[in-house]
Protein backbone atom coordinates (compact mmCIF):
# COMPACT_ATOMS: atom_id res chain seq x y z
CA UNK A 1 0.00 0.00 0.00
CA UNK A 2 2.74 2.46 0.95
CA UNK A 3 4.67 1.60 -2.21
CA UNK A 4 1.59 2.35 -4.31
CA UNK A 5 1.15 5.75 -2.65
CA UNK A 6 4.85 6.54 -3.12
CA UNK A 7 4.63 5.63 -6.81
CA UNK A 8 1.57 7.85 -7.19
CA UNK A 9 3.33 10.78 -5.52
CA UNK A 10 6.39 10.30 -7.73
CA UNK A 11 4.13 10.28 -10.78
CA UNK A 12 2.44 13.52 -9.73
CA UNK A 13 5.81 15.14 -9.04
CA UNK A 14 7.04 14.09 -12.47
CA UNK A 15 3.94 15.58 -14.12
CA UNK A 16 4.24 18.87 -12.23
CA UNK A 17 7.95 19.18 -13.04
CA UNK A 18 7.36 18.57 -16.74
CA UNK A 19 4.48 21.07 -16.73
CA UNK A 20 6.73 23.64 -15.04
CA UNK A 21 9.43 23.03 -17.68
CA UNK A 22 6.87 23.42 -20.45
CA UNK A 23 5.58 26.64 -18.88
CA UNK A 24 9.10 28.06 -18.61
CA UNK A 25 10.03 27.16 -22.19
CA UNK A 26 6.79 28.66 -23.49
CA UNK A 27 7.48 31.86 -21.57
CA UNK A 28 11.09 32.17 -22.69
CA UNK A 29 9.95 31.69 -26.28
CA UNK A 30 6.67 33.63 -26.38
CA UNK A 31 7.55 36.75 -24.38
CA UNK A 32 10.58 37.83 -26.49
CA UNK A 33 8.53 37.19 -29.62
CA UNK A 34 5.72 39.39 -28.30
CA UNK A 35 8.20 42.11 -27.38
CA UNK A 36 9.72 41.96 -30.87
CA UNK A 37 6.27 42.25 -32.43
CA UNK A 38 5.43 45.21 -30.20
CA UNK A 39 8.67 46.96 -31.12
CA UNK A 40 8.02 46.30 -34.79
CA UNK A 41 4.50 47.76 -34.55
CA UNK A 42 5.73 50.79 -32.62
CA UNK A 43 8.38 51.51 -35.24
CA UNK A 44 5.65 51.69 -37.88
PDB file of N, CA and C in Angstrom:
ATOM      1  N   UNK A   1       0.824  -1.203   0.000  1.00  0.00           N
ATOM      2  CA  UNK A   1       0.000   0.000   0.000  1.00  0.00           C
ATOM      3  C   UNK A   1       0.863   1.261   0.000  1.00  0.00           C
ATOM      4  N   UNK A   2       1.875   1.280   0.872  1.00  0.00           N
ATOM      5  CA  UNK A   2       2.743   2.460   0.952  1.00  0.00           C
ATOM      6  C   UNK A   2       3.502   2.660  -0.354  1.00  0.00           C
ATOM      7  N   UNK A   3       3.937   1.544  -0.948  1.00  0.00           N
ATOM      8  CA  UNK A   3       4.668   1.604  -2.213  1.00  0.00           C
ATOM      9  C   UNK A   3       3.793   2.214  -3.304  1.00  0.00           C
ATOM     10  N   UNK A   4       2.528   1.827  -3.316  1.00  0.00           N
ATOM     11  CA  UNK A   4       1.590   2.351  -4.312  1.00  0.00           C
ATOM     12  C   UNK A   4       1.436   3.859  -4.151  1.00  0.00           C
ATOM     13  N   UNK A   5       1.290   4.313  -2.917  1.00  0.00           N
ATOM     14  CA  UNK A   5       1.150   5.754  -2.650  1.00  0.00           C
ATOM     15  C   UNK A   5       2.422   6.494  -3.067  1.00  0.00           C
ATOM     16  N   UNK A   6       3.571   5.915  -2.747  1.00  0.00           N
ATOM     17  CA  UNK A   6       4.846   6.541  -3.121  1.00  0.00           C
ATOM     18  C   UNK A   6       4.972   6.646  -4.636  1.00  0.00           C
ATOM     19  N   UNK A   7       4.585   5.599  -5.343  1.00  0.00           N
ATOM     20  CA  UNK A   7       4.632   5.633  -6.806  1.00  0.00           C
ATOM     21  C   UNK A   7       3.712   6.712  -7.359  1.00  0.00           C
ATOM     22  N   UNK A   8       2.541   6.848  -6.751  1.00  0.00           N
ATOM     23  CA  UNK A   8       1.573   7.852  -7.185  1.00  0.00           C
ATOM     24  C   UNK A   8       2.126   9.257  -6.978  1.00  0.00           C
ATOM     25  N   UNK A   9       2.739   9.477  -5.822  1.00  0.00           N
ATOM     26  CA  UNK A   9       3.328  10.779  -5.517  1.00  0.00           C
ATOM     27  C   UNK A   9       4.460  11.094  -6.488  1.00  0.00           C
ATOM     28  N   UNK A  10       5.299  10.104  -6.766  1.00  0.00           N
ATOM     29  CA  UNK A  10       6.386  10.303  -7.730  1.00  0.00           C
ATOM     30  C   UNK A  10       5.841  10.670  -9.104  1.00  0.00           C
ATOM     31  N   UNK A  11       4.760  10.012  -9.488  1.00  0.00           N
ATOM     32  CA  UNK A  11       4.133  10.281 -10.780  1.00  0.00           C
ATOM     33  C   UNK A  11       3.623  11.718 -10.839  1.00  0.00           C
ATOM     34  N   UNK A  12       2.953  12.159  -9.773  1.00  0.00           N
ATOM     35  CA  UNK A  12       2.437  13.524  -9.726  1.00  0.00           C
ATOM     36  C   UNK A  12       3.569  14.544  -9.757  1.00  0.00           C
ATOM     37  N   UNK A  13       4.658  14.244  -9.033  1.00  0.00           N
ATOM     38  CA  UNK A  13       5.810  15.142  -9.042  1.00  0.00           C
ATOM     39  C   UNK A  13       6.406  15.249 -10.443  1.00  0.00           C
ATOM     40  N   UNK A  14       6.510  14.117 -11.109  1.00  0.00           N
ATOM     41  CA  UNK A  14       7.043  14.088 -12.469  1.00  0.00           C
ATOM     42  C   UNK A  14       6.183  14.945 -13.396  1.00  0.00           C
ATOM     43  N   UNK A  15       4.864  14.800 -13.286  1.00  0.00           N
ATOM     44  CA  UNK A  15       3.944  15.575 -14.116  1.00  0.00           C
ATOM     45  C   UNK A  15       4.093  17.074 -13.837  1.00  0.00           C
ATOM     46  N   UNK A  16       4.147  17.442 -12.550  1.00  0.00           N
ATOM     47  CA  UNK A  16       4.241  18.866 -12.229  1.00  0.00           C
ATOM     48  C   UNK A  16       5.568  19.465 -12.691  1.00  0.00           C
ATOM     49  N   UNK A  17       6.646  18.697 -12.577  1.00  0.00           N
ATOM     50  CA  UNK A  17       7.948  19.178 -13.044  1.00  0.00           C
ATOM     51  C   UNK A  17       7.951  19.378 -14.560  1.00  0.00           C
ATOM     52  N   UNK A  18       7.372  18.425 -15.281  1.00  0.00           N
ATOM     53  CA  UNK A  18       7.357  18.567 -16.741  1.00  0.00           C
ATOM     54  C   UNK A  18       6.443  19.721 -17.164  1.00  0.00           C
ATOM     55  N   UNK A  19       5.346  19.932 -16.440  1.00  0.00           N
ATOM     56  CA  UNK A  19       4.483  21.075 -16.730  1.00  0.00           C
ATOM     57  C   UNK A  19       5.212  22.383 -16.459  1.00  0.00           C
ATOM     58  N   UNK A  20       5.964  22.432 -15.364  1.00  0.00           N
ATOM     59  CA  UNK A  20       6.730  23.640 -15.043  1.00  0.00           C
ATOM     60  C   UNK A  20       7.769  23.913 -16.126  1.00  0.00           C
ATOM     61  N   UNK A  21       8.454  22.870 -16.602  1.00  0.00           N
ATOM     62  CA  UNK A  21       9.431  23.027 -17.676  1.00  0.00           C
ATOM     63  C   UNK A  21       8.778  23.536 -18.952  1.00  0.00           C
ATOM     64  N   UNK A  22       7.606  22.994 -19.269  1.00  0.00           N
ATOM     65  CA  UNK A  22       6.874  23.417 -20.449  1.00  0.00           C
ATOM     66  C   UNK A  22       6.488  24.885 -20.333  1.00  0.00           C
ATOM     67  N   UNK A  23       5.978  25.260 -19.151  1.00  0.00           N
ATOM     68  CA  UNK A  23       5.578  26.641 -18.878  1.00  0.00           C
ATOM     69  C   UNK A  23       6.755  27.599 -19.073  1.00  0.00           C
ATOM     70  N   UNK A  24       7.908  27.213 -18.503  1.00  0.00           N
ATOM     71  CA  UNK A  24       9.103  28.056 -18.615  1.00  0.00           C
ATOM     72  C   UNK A  24       9.556  28.194 -20.064  1.00  0.00           C
ATOM     73  N   UNK A  25       9.563  27.088 -20.798  1.00  0.00           N
ATOM     74  CA  UNK A  25      10.031  27.159 -22.185  1.00  0.00           C
ATOM     75  C   UNK A  25       9.070  27.978 -23.039  1.00  0.00           C
ATOM     76  N   UNK A  26       7.766  27.861 -22.768  1.00  0.00           N
ATOM     77  CA  UNK A  26       6.791  28.663 -23.492  1.00  0.00           C
ATOM     78  C   UNK A  26       7.032  30.146 -23.201  1.00  0.00           C
ATOM     79  N   UNK A  27       7.265  30.472 -21.930  1.00  0.00           N
ATOM     80  CA  UNK A  27       7.482  31.864 -21.567  1.00  0.00           C
ATOM     81  C   UNK A  27       8.753  32.426 -22.186  1.00  0.00           C
ATOM     82  N   UNK A  28       9.842  31.649 -22.137  1.00  0.00           N
ATOM     83  CA  UNK A  28      11.090  32.167 -22.687  1.00  0.00           C
ATOM     84  C   UNK A  28      11.013  32.300 -24.195  1.00  0.00           C
ATOM     85  N   UNK A  29      10.092  31.572 -24.833  1.00  0.00           N
ATOM     86  CA  UNK A  29       9.947  31.690 -26.282  1.00  0.00           C
ATOM     87  C   UNK A  29       8.926  32.756 -26.657  1.00  0.00           C
ATOM     88  N   UNK A  30       7.791  32.773 -25.974  1.00  0.00           N
ATOM     89  CA  UNK A  30       6.671  33.633 -26.380  1.00  0.00           C
ATOM     90  C   UNK A  30       6.912  35.100 -26.033  1.00  0.00           C
ATOM     91  N   UNK A  31       7.416  35.364 -24.823  1.00  0.00           N
ATOM     92  CA  UNK A  31       7.545  36.754 -24.385  1.00  0.00           C
ATOM     93  C   UNK A  31       8.504  37.565 -25.267  1.00  0.00           C
ATOM     94  N   UNK A  32       9.724  37.059 -25.580  1.00  0.00           N
ATOM     95  CA  UNK A  32      10.581  37.834 -26.494  1.00  0.00           C
ATOM     96  C   UNK A  32       9.945  38.040 -27.866  1.00  0.00           C
ATOM     97  N   UNK A  33       9.211  37.054 -28.335  1.00  0.00           N
ATOM     98  CA  UNK A  33       8.527  37.185 -29.623  1.00  0.00           C
ATOM     99  C   UNK A  33       7.485  38.298 -29.562  1.00  0.00           C
ATOM    100  N   UNK A  34       6.715  38.332 -28.478  1.00  0.00           N
ATOM    101  CA  UNK A  34       5.717  39.388 -28.302  1.00  0.00           C
ATOM    102  C   UNK A  34       6.379  40.752 -28.230  1.00  0.00           C
ATOM    103  N   UNK A  35       7.491  40.840 -27.508  1.00  0.00           N
ATOM    104  CA  UNK A  35       8.204  42.109 -27.383  1.00  0.00           C
ATOM    105  C   UNK A  35       8.711  42.563 -28.752  1.00  0.00           C
ATOM    106  N   UNK A  36       9.235  41.624 -29.527  1.00  0.00           N
ATOM    107  CA  UNK A  36       9.717  41.961 -30.867  1.00  0.00           C
ATOM    108  C   UNK A  36       8.569  42.463 -31.736  1.00  0.00           C
ATOM    109  N   UNK A  37       7.426  41.806 -31.654  1.00  0.00           N
ATOM    110  CA  UNK A  37       6.266  42.251 -32.427  1.00  0.00           C
ATOM    111  C   UNK A  37       5.832  43.646 -32.013  1.00  0.00           C
ATOM    112  N   UNK A  38       5.820  43.891 -30.702  1.00  0.00           N
ATOM    113  CA  UNK A  38       5.430  45.207 -30.204  1.00  0.00           C
ATOM    114  C   UNK A  38       6.385  46.284 -30.706  1.00  0.00           C
ATOM    115  N   UNK A  39       7.685  45.999 -30.653  1.00  0.00           N
ATOM    116  CA  UNK A  39       8.670  46.964 -31.123  1.00  0.00           C
ATOM    117  C   UNK A  39       8.499  47.233 -32.611  1.00  0.00           C
ATOM    118  N   UNK A  40       8.215  46.163 -33.356  1.00  0.00           N
ATOM    119  CA  UNK A  40       8.019  46.300 -34.794  1.00  0.00           C
ATOM    120  C   UNK A  40       6.813  47.197 -35.089  1.00  0.00           C
ATOM    121  N   UNK A  41       5.723  46.963 -34.355  1.00  0.00           N
ATOM    122  CA  UNK A  41       4.503  47.760 -34.548  1.00  0.00           C
ATOM    123  C   UNK A  41       4.751  49.216 -34.164  1.00  0.00           C
ATOM    124  N   UNK A  42       5.472  49.413 -33.074  1.00  0.00           N
ATOM    125  CA  UNK A  42       5.732  50.786 -32.616  1.00  0.00           C
ATOM    126  C   UNK A  42       6.618  51.546 -33.601  1.00  0.00           C
ATOM    127  N   UNK A  43       7.513  50.843 -34.274  1.00  0.00           N
ATOM    128  CA  UNK A  43       8.377  51.509 -35.239  1.00  0.00           C
ATOM    129  C   UNK A  43       7.596  51.968 -36.465  1.00  0.00           C
ATOM    130  N   UNK A  44       6.498  51.265 -36.776  1.00  0.00           N
ATOM    131  CA  UNK A  44       5.653  51.691 -37.883  1.00  0.00           C
ATOM    132  C   UNK A  44       4.880  52.929 -37.444  1.00  0.00           C
TER     133      UNK A  44
END
